[in-house]
Amino acid sequence: MKKSFIAAAAAMCLMIAGCSMGPMDEFYNGGMVGAPDASAPGMDMEQDNPGGDNYGDYQDNPFIKTADENVSTFSVDADGASYANMRRYITEGALPYGGAVRIEEFLNYFTFDYADPTDDNTVAINSEVGPCPWAPEHRLMRLGIKGRSMAESEIPDANFVFLIDVSGSMNSNDKLGLLKKCMNTLVDQLRPTDRISIITYSGKVKKLLESTLVKESESIKKAVSKLVASGSTAGGEALKMAYEEALDNYIEGGNNRVILGTDGDFNVGVTSTDALVEMVQDYASQGVYMTVCGFGRGNLNDSMMESISNNGNGNYEYISTEDDMTKVFVNERSEFFAVANDAKIQITFDAAKVDSYRLIGYENRVLSNEDFENDDKDAGEIGAGQTITALYEIVPVAEETASEGSLAVFDFRYKKTLGAESIPLTLDVTMPEEVSSEFDFAAGVAAYGMILRDSPYKGNADFDMACELAQSGLSFDPFGYRADFVDIIKAAKKLAE
């Protein structure tokens, strides 16, 4: 997305509004941003906003006294939907609803300049600690994970089942129209030996295309051209058929995956999120992964789609432009193949150096400490070449002791294949002499997310700070997504004024 386009979008919004915007918290599309009315931090609550979309709201993770609990455990989360959704809000001239902002998905939308593993592991971990920009008396700890990059020839054959929502709510160019372009784009990227099936659902479920080798691409594209939206949405029944199709054509050791394209409006048959989660968990245990692609506005069921992707060994992306489509289906297509399964992080803080800490984001991915070594406990997946980033804000005991030696131990567990025994990795987290540009960029992303959420922990963060930090990380920007982010911050600032 070009700078001029974002600037024009922001300017148009201000012109239409007569430049008479009120305070920032009055201009959020969907309601005020702030700590939601919840019980425990991280608890999902389905909440509709006036725009008709549905988000799972939650409170920011709080600070925890190290003397009370010095161990923190959570699952990785490789989704990028929240960031792409936010970008659409901004380009359309509105700041996003607070519940739509998940900071871990802002961070993991971007690829970080982390080193590949140099041993037999399929992941590598790294860390660094530096000053916290929005709270100078605190420290910020960055954790990084990199899934092993793979050449095209190394990635096994794919068995993809497209599960396509053709209900009436999908009848627009930014929904089914864009989804059809996504499918054709992926067909052009796949190898002749990969396979594609198509299941459609509206009032009824239909197998539009039997599993077909990509070398017969014209047959696949002909089936795609027949997709037309109408009727209600029997999503639960369709999910079952798609998974059964994937199992019927299962490739041992291959890339077996259901790719769901929808606005998430399931209103016939199995419709509850809990029932859908139970279904996808069962099929995930049989080796079928999931990618959920959300489309459109008006009845976007973001909460449901995030839940089923998290529980279905999958990832959740939001597609609103052809740029989004290219990112997911072309530039980062290797990430469809998981090189790390049930990936978990556990941090053990040194109470002599860390007074308290808080995990930034990942609110609905927090695990009990006992889950870390429990190989039966499901967690997130990491794709080939994919990076995962997490941040902790730390209150040091004292400046002179916090800068010496190890502040914490970074433990990581993952499985190379589903059902295998987990592999442990460990790293001491120390203070470097100087932080990297990747540290600054991650801090800028987190600061921006906290501003949009109006987080009670945002300290003195503002758009200018976020922009300056993000600009520090532009030296690594393979596809221009970071430069685009800088432009988005500037546009958001104008909208908030």
Protein backbone atom coordinates (compact mmCIF):
# COMPACT_ATOMS: atom_id res chain seq x y z
CA MET A 1 0.00 0.00 0.00
CA LYS A 2 1.49 3.31 -1.03
CA LYS A 3 1.92 6.26 1.25
CA SER A 4 -0.12 8.50 -1.00
CA PHE A 5 -3.10 6.15 -0.85
CA ILE A 6 -3.16 6.06 2.96
CA ALA A 7 -2.70 9.79 3.23
CA ALA A 8 -5.52 10.32 0.76
CA ALA A 9 -7.80 8.01 2.71
CA ALA A 10 -7.12 9.89 5.93
CA ALA A 11 -7.59 13.25 4.24
CA MET A 12 -10.86 12.19 2.67
CA CYS A 13 -12.19 11.10 6.05
CA LEU A 14 -11.33 14.46 7.58
CA MET A 15 -12.92 16.31 4.69
CA ILE A 16 -16.14 14.35 4.99
CA ALA A 17 -16.23 14.96 8.71
CA GLY A 18 -15.65 18.66 8.23
CA CYS A 19 -12.48 18.37 10.33
CA SER A 20 -14.64 18.44 13.43
CA MET A 21 -13.55 15.21 15.09
CA GLY A 22 -13.95 14.92 18.81
CA PRO A 23 -11.58 13.32 21.27
CA MET A 24 -9.84 10.14 20.20
CA ASP A 25 -11.99 7.84 22.30
CA GLU A 26 -15.12 9.18 20.62
CA PHE A 27 -13.91 8.41 17.12
CA TYR A 28 -13.36 4.69 17.38
CA ASN A 29 -15.62 2.75 15.03
CA GLY A 30 -17.60 0.48 17.27
CA GLY A 31 -17.30 2.15 20.63
CA MET A 32 -14.77 3.45 23.12
CA VAL A 33 -11.49 1.65 23.57
CA GLY A 34 -10.36 0.72 27.03
CA ALA A 35 -10.33 -2.08 29.54
CA PRO A 36 -13.47 -4.10 28.83
CA ASP A 37 -16.02 -5.10 31.39
CA ALA A 38 -14.59 -8.56 32.05
CA SER A 39 -13.67 -10.84 34.88
CA ALA A 40 -10.27 -12.49 34.47
CA PRO A 41 -7.63 -11.02 32.16
CA GLY A 42 -7.50 -12.81 28.84
CA MET A 43 -11.03 -14.18 29.06
CA ASP A 44 -12.79 -14.14 25.71
CA MET A 45 -16.20 -12.52 25.59
CA GLU A 46 -18.22 -12.34 22.41
CA GLN A 47 -19.15 -8.73 21.88
CA ASP A 48 -20.90 -7.07 18.95
CA ASN A 49 -20.01 -3.57 17.92
CA PRO A 50 -22.43 -1.23 16.16
CA GLY A 51 -20.87 -2.11 12.80
CA GLY A 52 -22.28 -5.62 13.14
CA ASP A 53 -18.92 -7.39 13.46
CA ASN A 54 -18.23 -9.73 16.37
CA TYR A 55 -15.01 -9.60 18.39
CA GLY A 56 -13.76 -11.43 21.47
CA ASP A 57 -12.96 -8.74 23.97
CA TYR A 58 -10.49 -9.09 26.84
CA GLN A 59 -8.44 -7.19 29.37
CA ASP A 60 -4.72 -6.56 28.93
CA ASN A 61 -2.46 -8.91 30.87
CA PRO A 62 -1.64 -7.25 34.23
CA PHE A 63 1.69 -6.93 35.99
CA ILE A 64 2.50 -9.95 38.17
CA LYS A 65 4.78 -9.79 41.19
CA THR A 66 7.73 -12.10 40.66
CA ALA A 67 7.77 -12.95 44.36
CA ASP A 68 4.22 -14.33 43.97
CA GLU A 69 4.74 -16.15 40.67
CA ASN A 70 8.06 -16.15 38.84
CA VAL A 71 6.99 -18.41 35.94
CA SER A 72 4.93 -17.35 32.92
CA THR A 73 3.69 -19.79 30.24
CA PHE A 74 1.86 -19.27 26.95
CA SER A 75 1.29 -20.75 23.50
CA VAL A 76 2.70 -19.16 20.37
CA ASP A 77 0.23 -17.49 18.01
CA ALA A 78 1.13 -17.02 14.35
CA ASP A 79 -2.02 -15.17 13.24
CA GLY A 80 -1.89 -11.87 11.39
CA ALA A 81 -5.61 -11.14 10.97
CA SER A 82 -5.90 -8.40 13.58
CA TYR A 83 -3.25 -6.27 11.92
CA ALA A 84 -4.73 -6.60 8.43
CA ASN A 85 -8.18 -5.81 9.81
CA MET A 86 -6.81 -2.70 11.55
CA ARG A 87 -5.19 -1.56 8.33
CA ARG A 88 -8.55 -1.71 6.58
CA TYR A 89 -10.14 0.41 9.30
CA ILE A 90 -7.45 3.06 8.89
CA THR A 91 -7.58 3.17 5.09
CA GLU A 92 -11.36 3.51 5.28
CA GLY A 93 -11.00 6.49 7.61
CA ALA A 94 -11.71 5.13 11.10
CA LEU A 95 -9.73 3.91 14.07
CA PRO A 96 -10.46 0.26 14.91
CA TYR A 97 -12.68 -1.04 17.66
CA GLY A 98 -10.52 -1.86 20.68
CA GLY A 99 -11.55 -5.51 20.84
CA ALA A 100 -10.30 -5.96 17.27
CA VAL A 101 -6.73 -5.14 18.34
CA ARG A 102 -4.65 -8.16 19.35
CA ILE A 103 -1.06 -7.02 19.80
CA GLU A 104 0.45 -10.47 19.27
CA GLU A 105 -1.12 -10.51 15.80
CA PHE A 106 0.28 -7.06 15.08
CA LEU A 107 3.75 -8.35 15.96
CA ASN A 108 3.43 -11.62 14.08
CA TYR A 109 2.05 -10.03 10.94
CA PHE A 110 5.67 -9.04 10.29
CA THR A 111 8.66 -11.24 9.53
CA PHE A 112 11.60 -10.40 11.79
CA ASP A 113 15.27 -10.69 10.92
CA TYR A 114 15.96 -13.73 13.07
CA ALA A 115 18.55 -16.41 12.37
CA ASP A 116 17.55 -19.85 11.13
CA PRO A 117 18.43 -22.88 13.27
CA THR A 118 21.95 -24.18 12.67
CA ASP A 119 21.46 -27.61 14.24
CA ASP A 120 18.98 -30.46 13.85
CA ASN A 121 16.17 -28.40 15.35
CA THR A 122 13.50 -26.95 13.07
CA VAL A 123 13.30 -23.76 15.16
CA ALA A 124 15.78 -21.33 16.71
CA ILE A 125 15.18 -18.97 19.64
CA ASN A 126 16.72 -15.61 20.58
CA SER A 127 16.13 -12.77 23.03
CA GLU A 128 17.23 -9.30 24.08
CA VAL A 129 16.37 -6.79 26.80
CA GLY A 130 16.51 -3.01 26.64
CA PRO A 131 14.88 0.16 27.99
CA CYS A 132 11.09 0.28 27.72
CA PRO A 133 10.27 3.30 25.53
CA TRP A 134 6.89 4.12 27.09
CA ALA A 135 8.07 3.57 30.69
CA PRO A 136 11.79 4.50 30.89
CA GLU A 137 12.13 3.15 34.43
CA HIS A 138 11.08 -0.29 33.14
CA ARG A 139 12.73 -2.82 30.83
CA LEU A 140 11.36 -4.48 27.70
CA MET A 141 12.22 -8.09 26.90
CA ARG A 142 11.89 -9.35 23.33
CA LEU A 143 11.61 -13.08 22.61
CA GLY A 144 12.12 -14.34 19.07
CA ILE A 145 11.48 -17.68 17.36
CA LYS A 146 12.28 -18.61 13.76
CA GLY A 147 10.93 -21.67 11.95
CA ARG A 148 13.46 -23.27 9.63
CA SER A 149 13.32 -21.83 6.12
CA MET A 150 12.71 -24.37 3.41
CA ALA A 151 13.36 -24.34 -0.31
CA GLU A 152 10.40 -25.06 -2.57
CA SER A 153 11.85 -28.50 -3.33
CA GLU A 154 11.96 -29.38 0.37
CA ILE A 155 8.28 -28.70 1.08
CA PRO A 156 6.15 -31.85 0.73
CA ASP A 157 3.18 -32.08 -1.60
CA ALA A 158 0.01 -30.29 -0.54
CA ASN A 159 -3.50 -31.62 -0.11
CA PHE A 160 -5.57 -28.45 0.20
CA VAL A 161 -9.33 -28.45 0.68
CA PHE A 162 -10.87 -25.04 0.03
CA LEU A 163 -13.99 -24.62 2.14
CA ILE A 164 -15.82 -21.69 0.56
CA ASP A 165 -18.69 -19.72 2.08
CA VAL A 166 -21.12 -18.93 -0.76
CA SER A 167 -23.95 -17.69 1.46
CA GLY A 168 -25.75 -14.46 0.64
CA SER A 169 -23.63 -12.43 3.05
CA MET A 170 -20.57 -13.15 0.90
CA ASN A 171 -22.08 -11.50 -2.17
CA SER A 172 -19.70 -8.57 -2.66
CA ASN A 173 -16.42 -7.87 -4.42
CA ASP A 174 -14.48 -7.62 -1.16
CA LYS A 175 -15.77 -11.02 -0.06
CA LEU A 176 -16.45 -13.76 -2.60
CA GLY A 177 -15.01 -11.74 -5.47
CA LEU A 178 -11.67 -11.33 -3.68
CA LEU A 179 -11.76 -14.90 -2.38
CA LYS A 180 -11.99 -16.26 -5.93
CA LYS A 181 -8.92 -14.22 -6.88
CA CYS A 182 -7.10 -15.70 -3.87
CA MET A 183 -7.87 -19.22 -5.02
CA ASN A 184 -6.68 -18.61 -8.56
CA THR A 185 -3.53 -16.94 -7.28
CA LEU A 186 -2.70 -19.93 -5.09
CA VAL A 187 -3.35 -22.35 -7.95
CA ASP A 188 -0.78 -20.43 -10.01
CA GLN A 189 1.78 -20.76 -7.19
CA LEU A 190 1.36 -24.45 -6.41
CA ARG A 191 3.22 -27.33 -8.03
CA PRO A 192 1.66 -29.74 -10.53
CA THR A 193 1.79 -32.53 -7.94
CA ASP A 194 -0.20 -30.59 -5.32
CA ARG A 195 -3.92 -31.28 -4.96
CA ILE A 196 -6.98 -29.05 -4.48
CA SER A 197 -10.59 -29.87 -3.56
CA ILE A 198 -13.44 -27.36 -3.24
CA ILE A 199 -16.37 -27.65 -0.81
CA THR A 200 -19.01 -24.92 -0.86
CA TYR A 201 -21.70 -24.12 1.66
CA SER A 202 -24.73 -21.88 1.95
CA GLY A 203 -28.14 -23.34 2.74
CA LYS A 204 -26.68 -26.68 1.67
CA VAL A 205 -23.22 -28.20 1.43
CA LYS A 206 -21.77 -29.26 -1.91
CA LYS A 207 -18.53 -30.78 -3.16
CA LEU A 208 -17.85 -28.54 -6.16
CA LEU A 209 -14.53 -30.14 -7.08
CA GLU A 210 -13.11 -33.55 -6.26
CA SER A 211 -9.46 -33.63 -5.23
CA THR A 212 -7.63 -32.55 -8.40
CA LEU A 213 -3.94 -32.31 -9.26
CA VAL A 214 -2.82 -28.72 -9.84
CA LYS A 215 -1.43 -29.77 -13.22
CA GLU A 216 -5.11 -29.66 -14.23
CA SER A 217 -5.26 -25.99 -13.24
CA GLU A 218 -7.81 -25.06 -15.89
CA SER A 219 -10.32 -27.52 -14.39
CA ILE A 220 -9.73 -26.00 -10.95
CA LYS A 221 -10.15 -22.43 -12.20
CA LYS A 222 -13.29 -23.41 -14.10
CA ALA A 223 -14.78 -24.67 -10.82
CA VAL A 224 -13.74 -21.43 -9.08
CA SER A 225 -15.53 -19.39 -11.74
CA LYS A 226 -18.80 -21.12 -10.84
CA LEU A 227 -18.80 -19.79 -7.26
CA VAL A 228 -21.92 -17.65 -6.68
CA ALA A 229 -23.19 -16.36 -3.31
CA SER A 230 -26.77 -16.94 -2.08
CA GLY A 231 -28.70 -18.47 0.83
CA SER A 232 -28.03 -19.03 4.55
CA THR A 233 -24.89 -20.47 6.11
CA ALA A 234 -24.56 -24.12 7.19
CA GLY A 235 -20.94 -23.81 8.20
CA GLY A 236 -20.72 -26.60 10.77
CA GLU A 237 -21.85 -29.33 8.37
CA ALA A 238 -19.48 -27.97 5.73
CA LEU A 239 -16.50 -28.09 8.09
CA LYS A 240 -17.09 -31.78 8.67
CA MET A 241 -17.28 -32.51 4.94
CA ALA A 242 -14.10 -30.53 4.26
CA TYR A 243 -12.15 -32.39 6.91
CA GLU A 244 -13.42 -35.74 5.65
CA GLU A 245 -12.34 -34.76 2.15
CA ALA A 246 -8.88 -33.93 3.48
CA LEU A 247 -8.67 -37.31 5.23
CA ASP A 248 -9.88 -39.16 2.14
CA ASN A 249 -6.97 -37.68 0.16
CA TYR A 250 -4.50 -37.57 3.03
CA ILE A 251 -0.82 -37.40 2.05
CA GLU A 252 1.36 -39.10 4.64
CA GLY A 253 4.03 -36.58 5.66
CA GLY A 254 2.40 -34.03 3.38
CA ASN A 255 0.84 -30.61 3.84
CA ASN A 256 -2.79 -31.53 4.59
CA ARG A 257 -4.87 -28.43 5.21
CA VAL A 258 -8.40 -27.03 5.10
CA ILE A 259 -8.47 -23.40 3.90
CA LEU A 260 -11.69 -21.74 5.03
CA GLY A 261 -12.81 -18.55 3.28
CA THR A 262 -15.72 -16.81 5.02
CA ASP A 263 -17.05 -13.75 6.83
CA GLY A 264 -17.79 -16.15 9.68
CA ASP A 265 -21.57 -15.90 9.63
CA PHE A 266 -22.58 -19.49 10.49
CA ASN A 267 -26.33 -19.47 11.13
CA VAL A 268 -27.55 -22.97 10.23
CA GLY A 269 -26.75 -26.29 11.93
CA VAL A 270 -23.70 -26.34 14.22
CA THR A 271 -23.26 -22.64 14.97
CA SER A 272 -21.85 -22.25 18.48
CA THR A 273 -18.15 -21.48 18.77
CA ASP A 274 -17.71 -24.19 21.43
CA ALA A 275 -19.19 -26.88 19.18
CA LEU A 276 -17.10 -25.77 16.22
CA VAL A 277 -13.94 -25.74 18.37
CA GLU A 278 -14.64 -29.30 19.53
CA MET A 279 -15.02 -30.39 15.91
CA VAL A 280 -11.79 -28.83 14.65
CA GLN A 281 -9.81 -30.15 17.62
CA ASP A 282 -10.84 -33.70 16.75
CA TYR A 283 -9.73 -33.39 13.13
CA ALA A 284 -6.54 -31.51 14.05
CA SER A 285 -5.50 -34.53 16.12
CA GLN A 286 -5.74 -36.57 12.90
CA GLY A 287 -3.14 -34.41 11.17
CA VAL A 288 -5.26 -31.93 9.20
CA TYR A 289 -4.28 -28.29 9.70
CA MET A 290 -6.44 -25.22 9.12
CA THR A 291 -6.07 -21.75 7.65
CA VAL A 292 -8.99 -19.37 8.20
CA CYS A 293 -9.26 -16.37 5.88
CA GLY A 294 -11.75 -13.71 6.95
CA PHE A 295 -13.35 -11.36 4.43
CA GLY A 296 -15.44 -8.23 4.53
CA ARG A 297 -17.33 -6.07 6.99
CA GLY A 298 -20.79 -5.99 8.49
CA ASN A 299 -21.02 -9.46 10.02
CA LEU A 300 -17.37 -10.47 10.38
CA ASN A 301 -17.31 -13.11 13.13
CA ASP A 302 -13.71 -12.45 14.13
CA SER A 303 -14.12 -14.10 17.53
CA MET A 304 -15.32 -17.41 16.12
CA MET A 305 -12.73 -17.52 13.35
CA GLU A 306 -9.84 -16.86 15.71
CA SER A 307 -11.10 -19.56 18.09
CA ILE A 308 -11.43 -22.31 15.51
CA SER A 309 -8.06 -21.50 13.93
CA ASN A 310 -6.34 -21.52 17.34
CA ASN A 311 -7.85 -24.88 18.18
CA GLY A 312 -7.51 -26.40 14.72
CA ASN A 313 -3.71 -26.33 14.43
CA GLY A 314 -4.11 -23.34 12.21
CA ASN A 315 -3.71 -19.67 11.55
CA TYR A 316 -6.14 -16.82 10.96
CA GLU A 317 -5.65 -14.15 8.32
CA TYR A 318 -7.83 -11.26 7.20
CA ILE A 319 -8.00 -10.46 3.48
CA SER A 320 -9.32 -7.08 2.31
CA THR A 321 -7.06 -6.26 -0.65
CA GLU A 322 -5.03 -7.97 -3.33
CA ASP A 323 -1.95 -6.96 -1.32
CA ASP A 324 -3.23 -9.07 1.59
CA MET A 325 -3.88 -11.89 -0.85
CA THR A 326 -0.33 -11.70 -2.22
CA LYS A 327 1.18 -11.66 1.27
CA VAL A 328 -0.65 -14.79 2.44
CA PHE A 329 -0.83 -16.84 -0.76
CA VAL A 330 2.42 -15.86 -2.50
CA ASN A 331 5.07 -14.17 -0.37
CA GLU A 332 4.52 -16.29 2.75
CA ARG A 333 3.05 -19.44 1.21
CA SER A 334 5.80 -21.63 2.69
CA GLU A 335 4.33 -20.88 6.11
CA PHE A 336 1.39 -23.16 5.25
CA PHE A 337 3.74 -26.04 6.09
CA ALA A 338 4.29 -26.40 9.85
CA VAL A 339 7.85 -27.08 11.01
CA ALA A 340 6.98 -26.77 14.71
CA ASN A 341 3.83 -28.09 16.37
CA ASP A 342 2.35 -27.44 19.82
CA ALA A 343 4.94 -24.71 20.38
CA LYS A 344 4.99 -23.28 23.92
CA ILE A 345 7.02 -20.65 25.74
CA GLN A 346 7.85 -20.58 29.44
CA ILE A 347 9.77 -17.76 31.11
CA THR A 348 11.26 -18.11 34.59
CA PHE A 349 12.17 -14.73 36.06
CA ASP A 350 14.92 -14.09 38.60
CA ALA A 351 13.11 -12.57 41.59
CA ALA A 352 16.38 -10.95 42.73
CA LYS A 353 16.41 -8.83 39.58
CA VAL A 354 12.79 -8.60 38.40
CA ASP A 355 10.20 -7.08 40.72
CA SER A 356 7.23 -7.69 38.37
CA TYR A 357 6.45 -8.41 34.75
CA ARG A 358 3.62 -8.51 32.25
CA LEU A 359 3.18 -10.29 28.93
CA ILE A 360 2.11 -7.89 26.18
CA GLY A 361 -0.66 -9.49 24.15
CA TYR A 362 -1.30 -13.24 23.93
CA GLU A 363 -4.15 -12.78 26.43
CA ASN A 364 -6.12 -15.74 25.09
CA ARG A 365 -3.01 -17.92 24.67
CA VAL A 366 -1.89 -18.00 28.30
CA LEU A 367 -1.35 -21.54 29.67
CA SER A 368 -1.00 -22.95 33.15
CA ASN A 369 2.62 -23.61 34.07
CA GLU A 370 1.87 -27.34 34.29
CA ASP A 371 0.83 -27.36 30.64
CA PHE A 372 4.35 -26.58 29.47
CA GLU A 373 5.68 -30.14 29.75
CA ASN A 374 2.33 -31.78 29.04
CA ASP A 375 2.62 -33.10 25.49
CA ASP A 376 -1.12 -33.70 25.36
CA LYS A 377 -1.80 -29.98 25.70
CA ASP A 378 -2.46 -28.29 22.37
CA ALA A 379 -0.54 -25.15 21.44
CA GLY A 380 0.34 -23.13 18.35
CA GLU A 381 2.13 -24.03 15.13
CA ILE A 382 5.01 -22.29 13.33
CA GLY A 383 5.41 -22.47 9.57
CA ALA A 384 8.54 -22.79 7.45
CA GLY A 385 10.44 -19.50 7.55
CA GLN A 386 7.91 -17.95 9.92
CA THR A 387 8.93 -15.77 12.86
CA ILE A 388 7.17 -15.37 16.21
CA THR A 389 7.78 -12.39 18.49
CA ALA A 390 6.66 -11.79 22.07
CA LEU A 391 7.34 -8.96 24.51
CA TYR A 392 7.38 -8.69 28.29
CA GLU A 393 7.47 -5.39 30.16
CA ILE A 394 9.65 -5.75 33.24
CA VAL A 395 9.90 -3.71 36.44
CA PRO A 396 13.48 -4.22 37.66
CA VAL A 397 14.36 -4.56 41.33
CA ALA A 398 17.24 -2.12 40.94
CA GLU A 399 19.05 -0.61 37.96
CA GLU A 400 22.48 -1.79 39.04
CA THR A 401 21.43 -5.42 39.43
CA ALA A 402 18.95 -5.67 36.55
CA SER A 403 21.66 -4.96 33.99
CA GLU A 404 23.98 -7.73 35.16
CA GLY A 405 23.75 -11.42 34.31
CA SER A 406 20.58 -13.32 33.45
CA LEU A 407 17.19 -11.74 34.13
CA ALA A 408 15.23 -14.81 33.14
CA VAL A 409 15.41 -18.23 31.52
CA PHE A 410 13.61 -18.65 28.18
CA ASP A 411 12.38 -22.24 27.79
CA PHE A 412 10.70 -23.40 24.61
CA ARG A 413 9.10 -26.72 23.67
CA TYR A 414 7.85 -27.95 20.31
CA LYS A 415 7.21 -31.10 18.28
CA LYS A 416 8.65 -31.67 14.84
CA THR A 417 5.54 -33.65 13.93
CA LEU A 418 2.12 -33.94 15.55
CA GLY A 419 2.00 -36.67 18.16
CA ALA A 420 5.77 -36.78 18.62
CA GLU A 421 7.56 -36.16 21.90
CA SER A 422 8.27 -32.49 22.50
CA ILE A 423 11.78 -31.11 22.16
CA PRO A 424 13.06 -28.60 24.76
CA LEU A 425 15.21 -25.55 24.02
CA THR A 426 16.55 -23.11 26.61
CA LEU A 427 18.26 -19.71 26.63
CA ASP A 428 19.43 -17.31 29.32
CA VAL A 429 17.99 -13.81 28.81
CA THR A 430 20.61 -11.14 29.45
CA MET A 431 21.01 -7.40 28.84
CA PRO A 432 23.06 -6.68 25.66
CA GLU A 433 25.27 -3.62 25.35
CA GLU A 434 22.99 -2.28 22.65
CA VAL A 435 19.57 -3.38 21.39
CA SER A 436 18.93 -4.22 17.75
CA SER A 437 16.72 -2.47 15.22
CA GLU A 438 14.39 -5.49 15.50
CA PHE A 439 13.92 -4.63 19.18
CA ASP A 440 12.97 -1.06 18.29
CA PHE A 441 10.55 -2.15 15.58
CA ALA A 442 8.81 -4.64 17.90
CA ALA A 443 8.50 -1.93 20.55
CA GLY A 444 6.96 0.42 17.98
CA VAL A 445 4.38 -2.18 16.95
CA ALA A 446 3.45 -2.85 20.59
CA ALA A 447 3.24 0.87 21.42
CA TYR A 448 0.91 1.44 18.48
CA GLY A 449 -1.30 -1.47 19.52
CA MET A 450 -1.55 -0.19 23.09
CA ILE A 451 -2.50 3.26 21.84
CA LEU A 452 -5.32 1.84 19.73
CA ARG A 453 -6.54 -0.27 22.67
CA ASP A 454 -6.12 2.72 25.01
CA SER A 455 -4.29 0.25 27.24
CA PRO A 456 -3.90 1.26 30.88
CA TYR A 457 -0.25 0.22 30.47
CA LYS A 458 0.59 2.43 27.48
CA GLY A 459 2.53 4.87 29.68
CA ASN A 460 3.75 7.83 27.65
CA ALA A 461 3.38 6.05 24.30
CA ASP A 462 1.98 8.18 21.49
CA PHE A 463 1.82 7.93 17.72
CA ASP A 464 5.05 9.88 17.27
CA MET A 465 6.91 7.44 19.52
CA ALA A 466 5.48 4.44 17.69
CA CYS A 467 6.41 5.96 14.35
CA GLU A 468 9.99 6.76 15.39
CA LEU A 469 10.52 3.25 16.74
CA ALA A 470 9.04 1.65 13.63
CA GLN A 471 11.26 3.74 11.37
CA SER A 472 14.29 2.35 13.22
CA GLY A 473 13.46 -1.08 11.81
CA LEU A 474 13.15 -0.23 8.11
CA SER A 475 16.57 -1.63 7.19
CA PHE A 476 14.96 -5.10 7.06
CA ASP A 477 11.80 -4.85 4.98
CA PRO A 478 11.70 -7.52 2.23
CA PHE A 479 8.20 -6.70 0.92
CA GLY A 480 7.71 -3.14 2.15
CA TYR A 481 5.27 -4.05 4.94
CA ARG A 482 7.22 -2.09 7.55
CA ALA A 483 7.31 1.09 5.46
CA ASP A 484 3.58 0.66 4.96
CA PHE A 485 3.18 0.39 8.74
CA VAL A 486 4.90 3.75 9.24
CA ASP A 487 2.39 5.32 6.85
CA ILE A 488 -0.48 3.66 8.72
CA ILE A 489 0.71 5.14 12.03
CA LYS A 490 0.80 8.60 10.46
CA ALA A 491 -2.70 8.16 9.06
CA ALA A 492 -4.00 6.91 12.42
CA LYS A 493 -2.54 9.99 14.13
CA LYS A 494 -4.45 12.26 11.76
CA LEU A 495 -7.67 10.37 12.42
CA ALA A 496 -7.20 10.72 16.17
CA GLU A 497 -6.56 14.47 16.13
